[in-house]
Structures are given as C-alpha cells and as structure tokens.
C-alpha cells in the first residue's frame, strides 16, 4: 500500500507541527525537497506519504546531528546532501577520528 497525500495540504499540516520551518521551506522547486515538489507536479499535487515521511525524518535528524556537531566544533561546513547522505567538513582541532566516531 502506497498512500498519497496532497503536498500543499501536508505542508500546511507540518507548519502546525514541531518540525523546523526551514525543513518545510525546502519542499519547493529549488529546495532540498524538490523531488517531492516535482512528484506533486506530475501527480495532480499528490506525493507518496512514505516519501514525505522519509524526507521529514531525514532532514529533522540531519539538523539534529548538525546542531550536535556544532557544539563539538567551532566550524561545521555542509559540503553535500543528497537524500539521507550528508557530507560535512569540520576542523580536526585536537580531536582524533576515534573521538568523532567513538
């Protein structure tokens, strides 16, 4: 079963949730969620509910991770993000790779 929802309606519903507004703004033609925007355009405004939930989950947890790593390092640079892949650069400072992943 692959239920669908209207993207505009879903965005309005998400605006009343605890999801960061920046994530909701990315559900646009030029945002990180552009694939959902394109899917809605091809399907009379409808997107797969599973794809929308996955996008919200990935972005929300990605933001949480970035906020967490920002507390550890003076500078965090997001180099690339595609789906659930985040590529970042942080200055090594006095920390080892084991510290970062340990």
N, C-alpha and C. Protein backbone atom coordinates (compact mmCIF):
# COMPACT_ATOMS: atom_id res chain seq x y z
N UNK A 1 0.84 -1.18 0.00
CA UNK A 1 0.00 0.00 0.00
C UNK A 1 0.88 1.24 0.00
N UNK A 2 0.65 2.11 -0.93
CA UNK A 2 1.45 3.32 -1.03
C UNK A 2 0.50 4.51 -1.10
N UNK A 3 0.03 4.94 0.05
CA UNK A 3 -0.94 6.03 0.08
C UNK A 3 -0.28 7.34 -0.33
N UNK A 4 -1.11 8.24 -0.81
CA UNK A 4 -0.64 9.54 -1.27
C UNK A 4 -1.35 10.65 -0.51
N UNK A 5 -0.71 11.80 -0.47
CA UNK A 5 -1.29 12.97 0.17
C UNK A 5 -1.00 14.19 -0.68
N UNK A 6 -1.83 15.19 -0.54
CA UNK A 6 -1.62 16.44 -1.26
C UNK A 6 -0.46 17.19 -0.60
N UNK A 7 0.52 17.59 -1.39
CA UNK A 7 1.72 18.22 -0.84
C UNK A 7 1.40 19.55 -0.17
N UNK A 8 0.57 20.37 -0.77
CA UNK A 8 0.23 21.67 -0.17
C UNK A 8 -0.49 21.50 1.16
N UNK A 9 -1.41 20.55 1.22
CA UNK A 9 -2.12 20.28 2.47
C UNK A 9 -1.16 19.75 3.52
N UNK A 10 -0.27 18.87 3.11
CA UNK A 10 0.71 18.31 4.04
C UNK A 10 1.63 19.41 4.59
N UNK A 11 2.04 20.34 3.73
CA UNK A 11 2.90 21.44 4.19
C UNK A 11 2.19 22.29 5.23
N UNK A 12 0.89 22.57 5.01
CA UNK A 12 0.12 23.35 5.99
C UNK A 12 0.01 22.59 7.32
N UNK A 13 -0.18 21.28 7.24
CA UNK A 13 -0.26 20.47 8.45
C UNK A 13 1.08 20.47 9.18
N UNK A 14 2.17 20.35 8.43
CA UNK A 14 3.51 20.34 9.03
C UNK A 14 3.85 21.67 9.69
N UNK A 15 3.32 22.76 9.16
CA UNK A 15 3.58 24.07 9.75
C UNK A 15 3.04 24.16 11.18
N UNK A 16 2.04 23.35 11.50
CA UNK A 16 1.47 23.33 12.85
C UNK A 16 2.10 22.25 13.73
N UNK A 17 3.14 21.62 13.24
CA UNK A 17 3.83 20.57 14.00
C UNK A 17 5.11 21.15 14.60
N UNK A 18 5.89 20.29 15.20
CA UNK A 18 7.15 20.71 15.81
C UNK A 18 8.32 20.64 14.81
N UNK A 19 8.03 20.35 13.57
CA UNK A 19 9.07 20.27 12.54
C UNK A 19 9.63 21.66 12.27
N UNK A 20 10.93 21.77 12.16
CA UNK A 20 11.59 23.05 11.90
C UNK A 20 11.05 23.66 10.60
N UNK A 21 10.68 24.93 10.65
CA UNK A 21 10.13 25.63 9.50
C UNK A 21 11.06 25.64 8.31
N UNK A 22 12.37 25.61 8.55
CA UNK A 22 13.33 25.59 7.46
C UNK A 22 13.19 24.31 6.62
N UNK A 23 12.85 23.21 7.29
CA UNK A 23 12.65 21.96 6.56
C UNK A 23 11.42 22.06 5.66
N UNK A 24 10.36 22.64 6.17
CA UNK A 24 9.14 22.80 5.38
C UNK A 24 9.39 23.70 4.18
N UNK A 25 10.17 24.75 4.37
CA UNK A 25 10.50 25.66 3.27
C UNK A 25 11.26 24.96 2.15
N UNK A 26 11.96 23.88 2.46
CA UNK A 26 12.74 23.15 1.46
C UNK A 26 11.89 22.30 0.53
N UNK A 27 10.59 22.20 0.83
CA UNK A 27 9.68 21.48 -0.05
C UNK A 27 9.23 22.43 -1.16
N UNK A 28 10.17 22.76 -2.03
CA UNK A 28 9.92 23.72 -3.11
C UNK A 28 10.75 23.32 -4.33
N UNK A 29 10.52 24.02 -5.43
CA UNK A 29 11.23 23.71 -6.68
C UNK A 29 12.75 23.81 -6.51
N UNK A 30 13.23 24.76 -5.74
CA UNK A 30 14.68 24.97 -5.61
C UNK A 30 15.23 24.45 -4.28
N UNK A 31 14.40 23.80 -3.48
CA UNK A 31 14.84 23.31 -2.18
C UNK A 31 15.35 21.89 -2.23
N UNK A 32 15.81 21.42 -1.08
CA UNK A 32 16.31 20.04 -0.96
C UNK A 32 15.18 19.05 -1.24
N UNK A 33 13.95 19.43 -0.98
CA UNK A 33 12.80 18.56 -1.22
C UNK A 33 12.21 18.72 -2.61
N UNK A 34 13.01 19.17 -3.57
CA UNK A 34 12.50 19.43 -4.92
C UNK A 34 11.95 18.16 -5.58
N UNK A 35 12.48 16.99 -5.22
CA UNK A 35 11.95 15.76 -5.81
C UNK A 35 10.49 15.54 -5.43
N UNK A 36 10.10 15.91 -4.22
CA UNK A 36 8.70 15.82 -3.82
C UNK A 36 7.86 16.85 -4.56
N UNK A 37 8.41 18.04 -4.74
CA UNK A 37 7.73 19.09 -5.49
C UNK A 37 7.47 18.63 -6.92
N UNK A 38 8.46 18.01 -7.53
CA UNK A 38 8.32 17.51 -8.91
C UNK A 38 7.30 16.37 -8.95
N UNK A 39 7.36 15.46 -7.97
CA UNK A 39 6.40 14.36 -7.91
C UNK A 39 4.97 14.90 -7.82
N UNK A 40 4.77 15.93 -7.00
CA UNK A 40 3.44 16.53 -6.86
C UNK A 40 2.98 17.13 -8.20
N UNK A 41 3.90 17.74 -8.92
CA UNK A 41 3.57 18.32 -10.22
C UNK A 41 3.14 17.29 -11.25
N UNK A 42 3.68 16.10 -11.13
CA UNK A 42 3.36 15.03 -12.08
C UNK A 42 2.11 14.24 -11.69
N UNK A 43 1.65 14.42 -10.43
CA UNK A 43 0.55 13.59 -9.92
C UNK A 43 -0.59 14.42 -9.32
N UNK A 44 -0.94 15.50 -10.00
CA UNK A 44 -2.06 16.35 -9.56
C UNK A 44 -1.92 16.81 -8.11
N UNK A 45 -0.70 17.14 -7.70
CA UNK A 45 -0.47 17.67 -6.36
C UNK A 45 -0.21 16.62 -5.31
N UNK A 46 -0.26 15.34 -5.69
CA UNK A 46 -0.10 14.25 -4.73
C UNK A 46 1.33 13.72 -4.69
N UNK A 47 1.76 13.37 -3.46
CA UNK A 47 3.07 12.74 -3.27
C UNK A 47 2.87 11.47 -2.43
N UNK A 48 3.79 10.55 -2.56
CA UNK A 48 3.74 9.34 -1.74
C UNK A 48 3.96 9.73 -0.27
N UNK A 49 3.10 9.26 0.59
CA UNK A 49 3.21 9.56 2.01
C UNK A 49 4.54 9.05 2.56
N UNK A 50 4.98 7.87 2.10
CA UNK A 50 6.24 7.30 2.58
C UNK A 50 7.43 8.20 2.21
N UNK A 51 7.40 8.80 1.02
CA UNK A 51 8.49 9.69 0.60
C UNK A 51 8.50 10.96 1.43
N UNK A 52 7.31 11.50 1.73
CA UNK A 52 7.22 12.70 2.55
C UNK A 52 7.71 12.44 3.98
N UNK A 53 7.30 11.32 4.55
CA UNK A 53 7.73 10.97 5.91
C UNK A 53 9.24 10.75 5.94
N UNK A 54 9.78 10.07 4.94
CA UNK A 54 11.22 9.84 4.87
C UNK A 54 11.97 11.16 4.77
N UNK A 55 11.49 12.09 3.95
CA UNK A 55 12.13 13.40 3.82
C UNK A 55 12.13 14.12 5.17
N UNK A 56 11.00 14.17 5.83
CA UNK A 56 10.90 14.87 7.12
C UNK A 56 11.80 14.22 8.17
N UNK A 57 11.82 12.89 8.22
CA UNK A 57 12.66 12.15 9.16
C UNK A 57 14.14 12.44 8.91
N UNK A 58 14.55 12.33 7.66
CA UNK A 58 15.96 12.53 7.31
C UNK A 58 16.41 13.96 7.60
N UNK A 59 15.61 14.94 7.20
CA UNK A 59 16.00 16.33 7.42
C UNK A 59 16.01 16.67 8.91
N UNK A 60 15.01 16.22 9.63
CA UNK A 60 14.91 16.51 11.05
C UNK A 60 16.10 15.93 11.80
N UNK A 61 16.43 14.68 11.53
CA UNK A 61 17.57 14.06 12.21
C UNK A 61 18.89 14.60 11.71
N UNK A 62 18.95 14.97 10.45
CA UNK A 62 20.16 15.61 9.92
C UNK A 62 20.41 16.94 10.62
N UNK A 63 19.37 17.75 10.80
CA UNK A 63 19.50 19.02 11.51
C UNK A 63 19.95 18.78 12.95
N UNK A 64 19.35 17.76 13.60
CA UNK A 64 19.74 17.45 14.98
C UNK A 64 21.22 17.09 15.06
N UNK A 65 21.67 16.28 14.10
CA UNK A 65 23.07 15.88 14.10
C UNK A 65 23.98 17.09 13.87
N UNK A 66 23.61 17.94 12.93
CA UNK A 66 24.42 19.13 12.65
C UNK A 66 24.48 20.04 13.87
N UNK A 67 23.35 20.24 14.55
CA UNK A 67 23.36 21.05 15.78
C UNK A 67 24.26 20.42 16.83
N UNK A 68 24.21 19.10 16.93
CA UNK A 68 25.05 18.39 17.91
C UNK A 68 26.53 18.56 17.59
N UNK A 69 26.88 18.40 16.34
CA UNK A 69 28.30 18.50 15.96
C UNK A 69 28.78 19.96 16.06
N UNK A 70 27.86 20.92 15.90
CA UNK A 70 28.23 22.33 16.06
C UNK A 70 28.63 22.64 17.50
N UNK A 71 28.13 21.88 18.45
CA UNK A 71 28.53 22.07 19.84
C UNK A 71 29.94 21.52 20.10
N UNK A 72 30.38 20.62 19.22
CA UNK A 72 31.69 19.99 19.38
C UNK A 72 32.81 20.74 18.65
N UNK A 73 32.45 21.39 17.55
CA UNK A 73 33.45 22.03 16.70
C UNK A 73 33.09 23.49 16.46
N UNK A 74 34.13 24.29 16.32
CA UNK A 74 33.95 25.72 16.10
C UNK A 74 33.34 26.02 14.73
N UNK A 75 33.66 25.17 13.75
CA UNK A 75 33.18 25.39 12.39
C UNK A 75 32.70 24.06 11.81
N UNK A 76 31.52 24.07 11.18
CA UNK A 76 30.97 22.90 10.52
C UNK A 76 30.51 23.35 9.14
N UNK A 77 30.99 22.67 8.12
CA UNK A 77 30.65 23.04 6.75
C UNK A 77 29.92 21.88 6.09
N UNK A 78 28.69 22.11 5.65
CA UNK A 78 27.93 21.10 4.93
C UNK A 78 28.36 21.17 3.46
N UNK A 79 29.05 20.13 3.00
CA UNK A 79 29.57 20.12 1.65
C UNK A 79 28.55 19.61 0.64
N UNK A 80 27.78 18.62 1.06
CA UNK A 80 26.85 17.99 0.13
C UNK A 80 25.76 17.29 0.93
N UNK A 81 24.56 17.26 0.36
CA UNK A 81 23.47 16.50 0.95
C UNK A 81 22.60 15.98 -0.15
N UNK A 82 22.41 14.68 -0.17
CA UNK A 82 21.57 14.04 -1.19
C UNK A 82 20.83 12.91 -0.50
N UNK A 83 19.51 13.02 -0.42
CA UNK A 83 18.74 12.00 0.28
C UNK A 83 19.15 11.96 1.74
N UNK A 84 19.56 10.79 2.20
CA UNK A 84 19.98 10.67 3.60
C UNK A 84 21.51 10.70 3.75
N UNK A 85 22.20 11.17 2.73
CA UNK A 85 23.66 11.29 2.75
C UNK A 85 24.04 12.74 3.03
N UNK A 86 24.79 12.94 4.10
CA UNK A 86 25.29 14.26 4.46
C UNK A 86 26.81 14.20 4.48
N UNK A 87 27.44 15.09 3.75
CA UNK A 87 28.91 15.16 3.73
C UNK A 87 29.30 16.50 4.33
N UNK A 88 30.06 16.44 5.44
CA UNK A 88 30.46 17.65 6.16
C UNK A 88 31.97 17.69 6.35
N UNK A 89 32.43 18.90 6.57
CA UNK A 89 33.84 19.10 6.89
C UNK A 89 33.91 19.86 8.21
N UNK A 90 34.75 19.37 9.10
CA UNK A 90 34.99 20.05 10.37
C UNK A 90 36.50 20.15 10.57
N UNK A 91 36.97 21.21 11.22
CA UNK A 91 38.40 21.28 11.51
C UNK A 91 38.75 20.20 12.54
N UNK A 92 39.86 19.60 12.36
CA UNK A 92 40.24 18.49 13.23
C UNK A 92 40.50 18.96 14.66
N UNK A 93 41.04 20.14 14.80
CA UNK A 93 41.41 20.70 16.11
C UNK A 93 42.28 19.69 16.84
N UNK A 94 41.96 19.42 18.09
CA UNK A 94 42.77 18.48 18.88
C UNK A 94 42.11 17.11 19.00
N UNK A 95 41.10 16.86 18.18
CA UNK A 95 40.32 15.63 18.29
C UNK A 95 40.78 14.59 17.27
N UNK A 96 40.70 13.34 17.68
CA UNK A 96 41.06 12.24 16.79
C UNK A 96 39.80 11.75 16.07
N UNK A 97 39.99 10.95 15.04
CA UNK A 97 38.86 10.37 14.31
C UNK A 97 38.08 9.43 15.24
N UNK A 98 38.78 8.79 16.15
CA UNK A 98 38.14 7.92 17.14
C UNK A 98 37.21 8.72 18.07
N UNK A 99 37.63 9.92 18.41
CA UNK A 99 36.79 10.78 19.25
C UNK A 99 35.49 11.10 18.53
N UNK A 100 35.61 11.43 17.26
CA UNK A 100 34.44 11.83 16.49
C UNK A 100 33.44 10.68 16.34
N UNK A 101 33.91 9.47 16.08
CA UNK A 101 33.02 8.34 15.84
C UNK A 101 32.93 7.38 17.04
N UNK A 102 33.68 7.67 18.08
CA UNK A 102 33.77 6.75 19.21
C UNK A 102 32.72 6.82 20.19
